C-alpha cells in the first residue's frame, strides 16, 4: 500500500534490493482515498507512476535491480556501453569519409582493371563501416538495457473505455519515471556517447542522398550523352566494330570511344544488323531516314519506360524485349513500342563508317535517352 505522505513499498524495495536479486512489489487495487487536485499537482513523476499503477489495478514484479549506484560494477557497465557507442560513432564517420572522400582526397571509387585497389574495395568498405556502426549501436543499447536498467514485468487487469483525466496525468508520470529508471540522466558518459552515435548515424543516413540528387538542367546531364560526330563504336573490351564483324540478325552492345565510355549508364547502345528480308520492311521515322548504314541500325539500350537495359533481341521478328516489364520494340519501325508499358520509341543513334572502315556516330542521340522526366520536352 502506498503512503502518499511518506515512503512507499517501491521505495523500501529499492533500498533493500541488490544487483541480480528478484523482489516482488505488489500494488493495491485502489488507493483508500484519491489525492486532491493540489496534492496531485505537487506529486513528482515517481509518485504519479506509483499512483497510476494502483489505479490501473496493476501488479508490478521487479525481476532484477541494476548494480548499486556508484559501484564498480555500474561504472564498468557504463564504460562498456560508452565504448560501443563511441565505436558506432567512429564507424559512421568512417562511412562519411569513404563515401565523400572517393575521388576527392581518396582514389577514385570506380573500378578499373588497371586502377587502384580502392576501386574494388569501395563498396565493401561502405558495407563494413555502415554495418559496424549499426552493430555497435545495437550492442550498446542491449548492454544498457541488460546491465544498467531494472527489469520489470507488469500484470494489468483489462478495462475498457476512455481514460479519465487522473489516469492521463498518472500515465505521464509513468512515462517520465520510466525514463528516469533508464539511468540516462545519471549515466552522463553513456548518454553523451549515445548522442554522438545517434548524430553520426543520422549523418550516415543522409550522406548517400547527395549522390542520388542531380540537377537535370546543370550541364544538360540528362539531355546529352558522350556520343558525338566521329566517336567510334567500341565493344566492352575496347575493340572497334567493322561491318564485316557481325552476321545478319545479330546484335552487339557498343559504347562510345571516350574515357570511361563503357561505364556510362546512358551511353550503352545496341548495334543491330538486320536480316535481308527485314531491310525492305524498314519504316524509318520522319527525319531519321538516313540514321542507318545499309542494314545496320543503332538504338539506345535504355528502356524508355523505367530505364532497364533492353537487349533481348528476337531476330526473326525484329523485336527487342525489355526483361523488366516486357515492353517490346520493333526495330524495323524505328524501335517503336508494340507491347508493354513503354510509351516512346528507343532513341536512334545516327551512324556511318569512317575512313578506316569502322562504325562511328554521326552525332549524339536526337533526344534524351531513358525514361521520361519532368522537364523533358519530347
Protein backbone atom coordinates (compact mmCIF):
# COMPACT_ATOMS: atom_id res chain seq x y z
CA UNK A 1 0.00 0.00 0.00
CA UNK A 2 1.33 3.43 -0.89
CA UNK A 3 1.53 6.07 1.78
CA UNK A 4 1.29 9.37 -0.14
CA UNK A 5 2.72 11.35 2.74
CA UNK A 6 5.73 9.15 3.33
CA UNK A 7 7.65 6.19 1.95
CA UNK A 8 6.26 3.51 -0.36
CA UNK A 9 6.66 -0.17 -0.94
CA UNK A 10 8.74 0.55 -4.06
CA UNK A 11 10.99 2.87 -2.04
CA UNK A 12 11.59 0.17 0.53
CA UNK A 13 12.30 -2.43 -2.14
CA UNK A 14 14.72 -0.10 -3.93
CA UNK A 15 16.56 0.43 -0.67
CA UNK A 16 16.77 -3.29 0.13
CA UNK A 17 17.43 -4.78 -3.34
CA UNK A 18 20.85 -5.69 -4.56
CA UNK A 19 22.11 -6.38 -8.06
CA UNK A 20 20.63 -9.51 -9.59
CA UNK A 21 18.05 -10.04 -6.78
CA UNK A 22 14.40 -10.67 -7.67
CA UNK A 23 11.97 -8.80 -5.42
CA UNK A 24 8.17 -8.72 -5.91
CA UNK A 25 6.33 -5.43 -5.50
CA UNK A 26 2.55 -5.57 -5.39
CA UNK A 27 0.28 -2.55 -5.58
CA UNK A 28 -3.14 -2.31 -4.09
CA UNK A 29 -6.09 -2.37 -6.42
CA UNK A 30 -7.29 1.10 -5.45
CA UNK A 31 -5.95 3.66 -3.02
CA UNK A 32 -8.13 4.23 0.04
CA UNK A 33 -8.72 7.80 -0.97
CA UNK A 34 -7.67 9.62 -4.12
CA UNK A 35 -5.38 12.65 -3.70
CA UNK A 36 -6.73 16.14 -4.07
CA UNK A 37 -6.02 18.32 -7.08
CA UNK A 38 -3.45 20.27 -5.07
CA UNK A 39 -1.75 17.10 -3.89
CA UNK A 40 -1.78 15.70 -7.45
CA UNK A 41 -0.11 18.83 -8.80
CA UNK A 42 2.67 18.54 -6.22
CA UNK A 43 3.48 14.90 -6.97
CA UNK A 44 6.66 14.03 -8.80
CA UNK A 45 7.00 11.51 -11.65
CA UNK A 46 7.82 8.63 -9.28
CA UNK A 47 4.75 9.26 -7.11
CA UNK A 48 2.50 9.66 -10.13
CA UNK A 49 3.92 6.42 -11.52
CA UNK A 50 3.05 4.51 -8.35
CA UNK A 51 -0.39 6.08 -8.13
CA UNK A 52 -1.11 5.21 -11.75
CA UNK A 53 -0.03 1.62 -11.11
CA UNK A 54 -2.56 1.33 -8.31
CA UNK A 55 -5.39 2.98 -10.22
CA UNK A 56 -4.79 0.67 -13.19
CA UNK A 57 -5.10 -2.42 -10.99
CA UNK A 58 -1.57 -3.40 -11.94
CA UNK A 59 0.81 -5.72 -10.18
CA UNK A 60 4.49 -4.94 -10.79
CA UNK A 61 7.15 -7.57 -10.19
CA UNK A 62 10.73 -6.31 -10.04
CA UNK A 63 12.71 -9.15 -11.60
CA UNK A 64 16.13 -7.62 -11.02
CA UNK A 65 17.67 -4.35 -9.99
CA UNK A 66 20.78 -2.90 -11.64
CA UNK A 67 24.10 -2.57 -9.89
CA UNK A 68 24.21 -0.20 -6.90
CA UNK A 69 24.79 3.45 -7.85
CA UNK A 70 28.47 4.34 -7.86
CA UNK A 71 29.61 0.74 -7.60
CA UNK A 72 32.46 -0.74 -9.62
CA UNK A 73 30.00 -2.95 -11.50
CA UNK A 74 27.93 0.06 -12.55
CA UNK A 75 30.96 2.02 -13.72
CA UNK A 76 32.25 -0.97 -15.67
CA UNK A 77 28.87 -1.44 -17.37
CA UNK A 78 28.68 2.25 -18.25
CA UNK A 79 32.17 2.12 -19.78
CA UNK A 80 31.19 -0.86 -21.90
CA UNK A 81 28.11 0.98 -23.17
CA UNK A 82 30.11 4.15 -23.89
CA UNK A 83 32.79 2.18 -25.78
CA UNK A 84 30.16 0.60 -28.01
CA UNK A 85 28.53 3.96 -28.77
CA UNK A 86 31.93 5.53 -29.42
CA UNK A 87 32.84 2.76 -31.87
CA UNK A 88 29.48 3.26 -33.59
CA UNK A 89 30.35 6.94 -33.99
CA UNK A 90 33.79 6.10 -35.42
CA UNK A 91 32.38 3.64 -37.96
CA UNK A 92 29.63 6.07 -39.02
CA UNK A 93 32.13 8.89 -39.55
CA UNK A 94 34.39 6.47 -41.44
CA UNK A 95 31.47 5.77 -43.79
CA UNK A 96 31.11 9.51 -44.46
CA UNK A 97 34.86 9.83 -45.13
CA UNK A 98 34.92 6.88 -47.55
CA UNK A 99 31.73 7.95 -49.35
CA UNK A 100 32.64 11.60 -49.91
CA UNK A 101 36.40 11.22 -49.97
CA UNK A 102 36.40 8.92 -53.01
CA UNK A 103 37.59 10.92 -55.99
CA UNK A 104 38.45 13.90 -53.72
CA UNK A 105 41.29 13.16 -51.30
CA UNK A 106 40.96 9.37 -51.75
CA UNK A 107 41.39 7.42 -55.02
CA UNK A 108 38.50 7.27 -57.47
CA UNK A 109 35.78 4.84 -56.41
CA UNK A 110 35.09 3.49 -59.93
CA UNK A 111 36.59 0.07 -60.59
CA UNK A 112 39.21 -0.22 -63.32
CA UNK A 113 41.19 -3.29 -64.29
CA UNK A 114 44.42 -1.30 -64.14
CA UNK A 115 43.27 1.03 -61.38
CA UNK A 116 43.99 1.15 -57.65
CA UNK A 117 42.77 -1.42 -55.14
CA UNK A 118 40.47 1.22 -53.64
CA UNK A 119 38.10 0.86 -56.60
CA UNK A 120 37.44 -2.80 -55.76
CA UNK A 121 37.28 -2.11 -52.01
CA UNK A 122 34.97 0.93 -52.15
CA UNK A 123 31.66 -0.92 -51.84
CA UNK A 124 32.93 -3.43 -49.22
CA UNK A 125 34.28 -0.54 -47.17
CA UNK A 126 30.88 1.18 -47.25
CA UNK A 127 29.22 -2.04 -46.12
CA UNK A 128 31.80 -2.65 -43.40
CA UNK A 129 31.60 0.84 -41.93
CA UNK A 130 27.80 1.01 -42.06
CA UNK A 131 27.46 -2.49 -40.62
CA UNK A 132 29.95 -1.70 -37.85
CA UNK A 133 28.11 1.49 -36.91
CA UNK A 134 24.73 -0.25 -36.70
CA UNK A 135 26.17 -3.31 -34.92
CA UNK A 136 27.94 -1.35 -32.17
CA UNK A 137 24.92 0.91 -31.70
CA UNK A 138 22.73 -2.17 -31.22
CA UNK A 139 25.22 -3.83 -28.87
CA UNK A 140 25.44 -0.65 -26.79
CA UNK A 141 21.67 -0.40 -26.47
CA UNK A 142 21.42 -4.06 -25.44
CA UNK A 143 24.17 -3.67 -22.84
CA UNK A 144 22.47 -0.56 -21.43
CA UNK A 145 19.16 -2.41 -21.12
CA UNK A 146 20.76 -5.53 -19.63
CA UNK A 147 23.22 -4.00 -17.19
CA UNK A 148 22.02 -0.52 -16.25
CA UNK A 149 18.23 -0.68 -16.31
CA UNK A 150 15.87 -2.53 -13.94
CA UNK A 151 13.86 -5.40 -15.40
CA UNK A 152 10.17 -5.48 -14.60
CA UNK A 153 7.07 -7.43 -15.51
CA UNK A 154 3.68 -5.75 -15.08
CA UNK A 155 0.37 -7.63 -14.95
CA UNK A 156 -2.70 -5.46 -15.50
CA UNK A 157 -6.41 -6.19 -15.41
CA UNK A 158 -8.09 -5.32 -18.68
CA UNK A 159 -10.56 -2.46 -18.69
CA UNK A 160 -12.33 -0.60 -21.48
CA UNK A 161 -13.42 2.94 -22.15
CA UNK A 162 -11.56 6.23 -22.32
CA UNK A 163 -9.15 7.17 -19.57
CA UNK A 164 -10.25 9.87 -17.10
CA UNK A 165 -8.04 12.96 -16.59
CA UNK A 166 -6.49 11.46 -13.47
CA UNK A 167 -5.32 8.41 -15.40
CA UNK A 168 -3.92 10.62 -18.15
CA UNK A 169 -1.93 12.59 -15.58
CA UNK A 170 -0.57 9.46 -13.91
CA UNK A 171 0.29 7.98 -17.33
CA UNK A 172 2.52 10.99 -17.98
CA UNK A 173 4.19 10.40 -14.66
CA UNK A 174 4.74 6.75 -15.57
CA UNK A 175 6.49 7.74 -18.78
CA UNK A 176 8.77 10.22 -17.01
CA UNK A 177 9.52 7.77 -14.21
CA UNK A 178 10.37 5.12 -16.77
CA UNK A 179 12.80 7.49 -18.44
CA UNK A 180 14.45 8.19 -15.09
CA UNK A 181 14.81 4.48 -14.44
CA UNK A 182 16.80 4.07 -17.65
CA UNK A 183 19.63 5.92 -15.95
CA UNK A 184 20.04 8.30 -18.88
CA UNK A 185 20.10 11.29 -16.54
CA UNK A 186 22.71 9.87 -14.17
CA UNK A 187 24.98 8.00 -16.62
CA UNK A 188 26.43 11.03 -18.39
CA UNK A 189 29.22 9.22 -20.23
CA UNK A 190 26.84 6.65 -21.74
CA UNK A 191 24.28 9.35 -22.59
CA UNK A 192 26.80 11.58 -24.36
CA UNK A 193 28.29 8.70 -26.32
CA UNK A 194 24.76 7.67 -27.35
CA UNK A 195 24.04 11.19 -28.62
CA UNK A 196 27.31 11.13 -30.57
CA UNK A 197 26.49 7.76 -32.12
CA UNK A 198 22.97 8.89 -32.97
CA UNK A 199 24.22 12.05 -34.64
CA UNK A 200 26.88 10.21 -36.62
CA UNK A 201 24.38 7.58 -37.77
CA UNK A 202 21.98 10.32 -38.81
CA UNK A 203 24.77 11.85 -40.86
CA UNK A 204 25.50 8.41 -42.32
CA UNK A 205 21.87 8.08 -43.44
CA UNK A 206 21.86 11.50 -45.12
CA UNK A 207 25.17 11.25 -46.97
CA UNK A 208 24.11 8.84 -49.77
CA UNK A 209 21.21 11.11 -50.68
CA UNK A 210 23.67 13.58 -52.18
CA UNK A 211 24.66 11.06 -54.82
CA UNK A 212 21.02 10.48 -55.78
CA UNK A 213 20.11 14.12 -56.33
CA UNK A 214 21.04 15.73 -59.64
CA UNK A 215 20.02 18.95 -61.28
CA UNK A 216 18.82 17.94 -64.74
CA UNK A 217 19.38 21.45 -66.03
CA UNK A 218 23.05 21.62 -64.98
CA UNK A 219 25.24 20.91 -67.96
CA UNK A 220 22.43 19.06 -69.74
CA UNK A 221 23.32 15.87 -67.85
CA UNK A 222 20.05 14.20 -68.77
CA UNK A 223 19.80 15.73 -72.24
CA UNK A 224 23.12 14.64 -73.76
CA UNK A 225 25.44 11.64 -73.81
CA UNK A 226 29.10 11.18 -74.76
CA UNK A 227 28.22 10.30 -78.34
CA UNK A 228 29.22 12.91 -80.89
CA UNK A 229 30.34 13.14 -84.50
CA UNK A 230 33.23 10.82 -85.30
CA UNK A 231 33.17 8.87 -82.00
CA UNK A 232 33.76 5.20 -82.71
CA UNK A 233 31.52 2.39 -81.57
CA UNK A 234 33.53 0.09 -79.29
CA UNK A 235 32.76 -3.24 -77.71
CA UNK A 236 33.09 -3.63 -73.96
CA UNK A 237 36.67 -4.85 -74.42
CA UNK A 238 37.57 -1.67 -76.31
CA UNK A 239 37.73 -3.11 -79.84
CA UNK A 240 36.05 -1.20 -82.70
CA UNK A 241 33.39 -2.75 -84.94
CA UNK A 242 33.57 -3.24 -88.71
CA UNK A 243 30.51 -4.08 -90.85
CA UNK A 244 32.01 -7.50 -91.64
CA UNK A 245 32.25 -8.41 -87.93
CA UNK A 246 28.54 -9.14 -87.48
CA UNK A 247 26.22 -11.68 -89.04
CA UNK A 248 22.71 -10.76 -90.27
CA UNK A 249 20.25 -10.92 -87.39
CA UNK A 250 22.90 -10.31 -84.72
CA UNK A 251 23.21 -7.66 -82.01
CA UNK A 252 26.30 -6.10 -80.43
CA UNK A 253 26.35 -3.82 -77.37
CA UNK A 254 28.67 -0.89 -78.05
CA UNK A 255 29.95 2.15 -76.16
CA UNK A 256 31.49 5.48 -77.16
CA UNK A 257 35.27 5.59 -77.62
CA UNK A 258 35.79 8.10 -74.80
CA UNK A 259 37.42 7.82 -71.37
CA UNK A 260 35.16 5.64 -69.22
CA UNK A 261 32.65 5.21 -72.06
CA UNK A 262 31.91 1.58 -71.18
CA UNK A 263 30.91 2.63 -67.65
CA UNK A 264 28.49 5.40 -68.62
CA UNK A 265 24.96 4.26 -67.84
CA UNK A 266 23.32 6.41 -70.54
CA UNK A 267 25.74 5.61 -73.39
CA UNK A 268 25.10 1.87 -73.86
CA UNK A 269 23.88 1.30 -77.43
CA UNK A 270 22.66 -1.70 -79.41
CA UNK A 271 24.16 -2.12 -82.87
CA UNK A 272 21.85 -4.40 -84.85
CA UNK A 273 22.35 -5.95 -88.25
CA UNK A 274 19.02 -6.71 -89.89
CA UNK A 275 18.22 -9.81 -91.87
CA UNK A 276 17.95 -9.36 -95.61
CA UNK A 277 14.13 -9.58 -95.69
CA UNK A 278 13.84 -7.06 -92.85
CA UNK A 279 15.78 -4.35 -94.69
CA UNK A 280 12.99 -3.94 -97.21
CA UNK A 281 10.40 -3.62 -94.40
CA UNK A 282 12.15 -0.76 -92.59
CA UNK A 283 9.92 2.26 -91.94
CA UNK A 284 12.19 4.97 -90.58
CA UNK A 285 10.61 7.78 -88.53
CA UNK A 286 10.33 11.17 -90.17
CA UNK A 287 13.67 12.98 -90.15
CA UNK A 288 15.64 9.81 -89.36
CA UNK A 289 15.67 8.19 -92.80
CA UNK A 290 19.48 8.42 -93.02
CA UNK A 291 20.29 7.31 -89.45
CA UNK A 292 21.03 3.74 -90.55
CA UNK A 293 24.03 2.48 -92.51
CA UNK A 294 22.88 -0.09 -95.07
CA UNK A 295 21.46 -2.95 -92.96
CA UNK A 296 22.84 -1.65 -89.64
CA UNK A 297 20.79 0.26 -87.04
CA UNK A 298 21.84 1.60 -83.63
CA UNK A 299 19.39 2.21 -80.76
CA UNK A 300 19.75 3.20 -77.12
CA UNK A 301 19.87 0.24 -74.77
CA UNK A 302 17.97 2.13 -72.03
CA UNK A 303 14.25 1.34 -71.91
CA UNK A 304 12.02 4.41 -72.19
CA UNK A 305 9.68 3.03 -69.52
CA UNK A 306 11.79 2.58 -66.37
CA UNK A 307 15.40 2.66 -67.58
CA UNK A 308 16.10 -1.08 -67.63
CA UNK A 309 18.60 -2.49 -70.17
CA UNK A 310 16.85 -3.84 -73.26
CA UNK A 311 18.96 -6.34 -75.18
CA UNK A 312 16.85 -9.45 -75.70
CA UNK A 313 16.68 -9.44 -79.48
CA UNK A 314 14.40 -11.73 -81.44
CA UNK A 315 15.95 -11.72 -84.88
CA UNK A 316 13.09 -13.49 -86.68
CA UNK A 317 10.56 -10.80 -85.76
CA UNK A 318 12.99 -7.89 -85.39
CA UNK A 319 11.75 -7.08 -81.91
CA UNK A 320 13.70 -6.07 -78.81
CA UNK A 321 12.34 -7.18 -75.44
CA UNK A 322 12.82 -5.41 -72.11
CA UNK A 323 13.11 -8.13 -69.43
CA UNK A 324 11.87 -5.91 -66.60
CA UNK A 325 8.29 -5.18 -67.69
CA UNK A 326 8.10 -6.97 -71.05
CA UNK A 327 7.96 -3.92 -73.30
CA UNK A 328 8.67 -4.79 -76.93
CA UNK A 329 10.15 -2.53 -79.62
CA UNK A 330 10.03 -3.07 -83.41
CA UNK A 331 13.43 -2.19 -84.91
CA UNK A 332 12.02 -2.05 -88.45
CA UNK A 333 9.75 0.81 -87.39
CA UNK A 334 12.28 2.95 -85.55
CA UNK A 335 12.11 0.86 -82.35
CA UNK A 336 8.56 1.99 -81.62
CA UNK A 337 6.88 0.13 -78.75
CA UNK A 338 4.44 -2.59 -79.81
CA UNK A 339 3.70 -4.14 -76.41
CA UNK A 340 4.10 -3.35 -72.73
CA UNK A 341 4.13 -0.14 -70.67
CA UNK A 342 6.76 1.75 -72.68
CA UNK A 343 5.16 4.73 -74.45
CA UNK A 344 8.07 6.09 -76.51
CA UNK A 345 10.43 4.63 -79.08
CA UNK A 346 14.05 3.92 -78.24
CA UNK A 347 16.22 6.84 -79.41
CA UNK A 348 18.18 6.00 -82.57
CA UNK A 349 21.86 6.87 -82.96
CA UNK A 350 22.89 8.02 -86.45
CA UNK A 351 25.91 6.01 -87.64
CA UNK A 352 28.32 5.84 -90.55
CA UNK A 353 31.71 4.36 -91.49
CA UNK A 354 34.97 6.27 -91.02
CA UNK A 355 37.99 6.25 -93.34
CA UNK A 356 39.37 3.09 -91.72
CA UNK A 357 36.12 1.15 -92.15
CA UNK A 358 34.93 1.28 -88.52
CA UNK A 359 31.50 2.34 -87.30
CA UNK A 360 31.31 5.87 -85.86
CA UNK A 361 28.49 8.10 -84.65
CA UNK A 362 27.39 10.99 -86.82
CA UNK A 363 26.09 12.92 -83.80
CA UNK A 364 24.57 12.40 -80.37
CA UNK A 365 21.08 10.97 -79.94
CA UNK A 366 18.49 13.44 -81.24
CA UNK A 367 16.55 13.18 -77.96
CA UNK A 368 17.26 12.30 -74.30
CA UNK A 369 17.68 8.60 -73.62
CA UNK A 370 15.90 6.63 -70.94
CA UNK A 371 12.57 7.18 -69.18
CA UNK A 372 10.70 10.47 -69.07
CA UNK A 373 11.44 13.21 -66.53
CA UNK A 374 9.69 16.41 -65.56
CA UNK A 375 11.37 18.91 -67.88
CA UNK A 376 11.70 16.67 -70.89
CA UNK A 377 10.21 18.29 -73.99
CA UNK A 378 9.88 15.20 -76.22
